[in-house]
Amino acid sequence: MSKTSKLLLATLGAAAVGVVAGILLAPDKGSNTRKKINKKTHEAWDYLADLVLAKKEEAEDAIDDALQAGEKLAKKAEDKLKEAKAQL
């Protein structure tokens, strides 16, 4: 896992703990507090799901780019080999 990913996860975790602590310490009825926690939890999961989906798409794009580059390189090598054989 990269340093950026670790930092992002640590930041999100700290933010989540801060939000929950703030809600729990706020002077409000228990039912309202539970609703707020539930709402914030769903928002956090939605955000994380979007983040994971975006990273997955980035990874798929990078893989596609690498495959295309590999195919071009293989074609170039094949052409060079044909040229070398023709010169023999």
Protein backbone atom coordinates (compact mmCIF):
# COMPACT_ATOMS: atom_id res chain seq x y z
CA MET A 1 0.00 0.00 0.00
CA SER A 2 1.42 3.38 -0.93
CA LYS A 3 2.12 6.17 1.54
CA THR A 4 -0.67 8.23 -0.02
CA SER A 5 -3.20 5.43 0.48
CA LYS A 6 -2.11 4.93 4.09
CA LEU A 7 -2.37 8.65 4.76
CA LEU A 8 -5.81 8.82 3.16
CA LEU A 9 -7.09 5.88 5.21
CA ALA A 10 -5.63 7.31 8.42
CA THR A 11 -7.22 10.69 7.70
CA LEU A 12 -10.61 9.13 6.96
CA GLY A 13 -10.40 7.02 10.11
CA ALA A 14 -9.51 10.00 12.25
CA ALA A 15 -12.32 12.05 10.71
CA ALA A 16 -14.81 9.24 11.37
CA VAL A 17 -13.73 8.97 15.00
CA GLY A 18 -14.01 12.74 15.38
CA VAL A 19 -17.50 12.83 13.88
CA VAL A 20 -18.73 9.98 16.07
CA ALA A 21 -17.17 11.53 19.20
CA GLY A 22 -18.73 14.89 18.36
CA ILE A 23 -22.14 13.36 17.88
CA LEU A 24 -21.93 11.28 21.06
CA LEU A 25 -20.85 14.25 23.15
CA ALA A 26 -23.49 16.61 21.73
CA PRO A 27 -26.46 17.29 23.99
CA ASP A 28 -29.23 15.58 22.03
CA LYS A 29 -31.77 12.80 22.51
CA GLY A 30 -30.48 9.26 22.05
CA SER A 31 -32.80 8.60 19.11
CA ASN A 32 -31.52 11.71 17.31
CA THR A 33 -27.94 10.76 18.06
CA ARG A 34 -28.47 7.25 16.65
CA LYS A 35 -30.03 8.72 13.51
CA LYS A 36 -27.08 11.08 13.06
CA ILE A 37 -24.58 8.25 13.53
CA ASN A 38 -26.49 6.08 11.06
CA LYS A 39 -26.59 8.90 8.51
CA LYS A 40 -22.90 9.71 8.88
CA THR A 41 -21.98 6.02 8.65
CA HIS A 42 -23.92 5.66 5.39
CA GLU A 43 -22.32 8.82 4.01
CA ALA A 44 -18.86 7.51 4.89
CA TRP A 45 -19.55 4.13 3.27
CA ASP A 46 -20.89 5.82 0.13
CA TYR A 47 -17.79 8.00 -0.04
CA LEU A 48 -15.48 5.03 0.42
CA ALA A 49 -17.39 2.99 -2.17
CA ASP A 50 -17.04 5.84 -4.67
CA LEU A 51 -13.34 6.14 -3.86
CA VAL A 52 -12.74 2.41 -4.29
CA LEU A 53 -14.67 2.40 -7.57
CA ALA A 54 -12.63 5.33 -8.88
CA LYS A 55 -9.35 3.62 -7.91
CA LYS A 56 -10.55 0.39 -9.54
CA GLU A 57 -11.30 2.25 -12.76
CA GLU A 58 -7.88 3.93 -12.64
CA ALA A 59 -6.22 0.54 -12.19
CA GLU A 60 -8.20 -0.95 -15.08
CA ASP A 61 -7.18 1.96 -17.31
CA ALA A 62 -3.53 1.52 -16.33
CA ILE A 63 -3.73 -2.20 -17.09
CA ASP A 64 -5.32 -1.51 -20.48
CA ASP A 65 -2.59 1.03 -21.28
CA ALA A 66 0.12 -1.44 -20.27
CA LEU A 67 -1.44 -4.19 -22.39
CA GLN A 68 -1.62 -1.91 -25.42
CA ALA A 69 1.99 -0.84 -24.93
CA GLY A 70 3.02 -4.49 -24.62
CA GLU A 71 1.15 -5.40 -27.80
CA LYS A 72 2.86 -2.55 -29.69
CA LEU A 73 6.24 -3.64 -28.37
CA ALA A 74 5.59 -7.27 -29.34
CA LYS A 75 4.52 -6.20 -32.84
CA LYS A 76 7.64 -4.07 -33.19
CA ALA A 77 9.83 -6.98 -32.07
CA GLU A 78 8.08 -9.30 -34.51
CA ASP A 79 8.66 -6.86 -37.36
CA LYS A 80 12.35 -6.55 -36.44
CA LEU A 81 12.66 -10.34 -36.34
CA LYS A 82 11.09 -10.63 -39.78
CA GLU A 83 13.50 -8.00 -41.10
CA ALA A 84 16.46 -9.86 -39.61
CA LYS A 85 15.30 -13.17 -41.11
CA ALA A 86 14.85 -11.55 -44.52
CA GLN A 87 18.44 -10.26 -44.43
CA LEU A 88 19.83 -13.77 -43.80
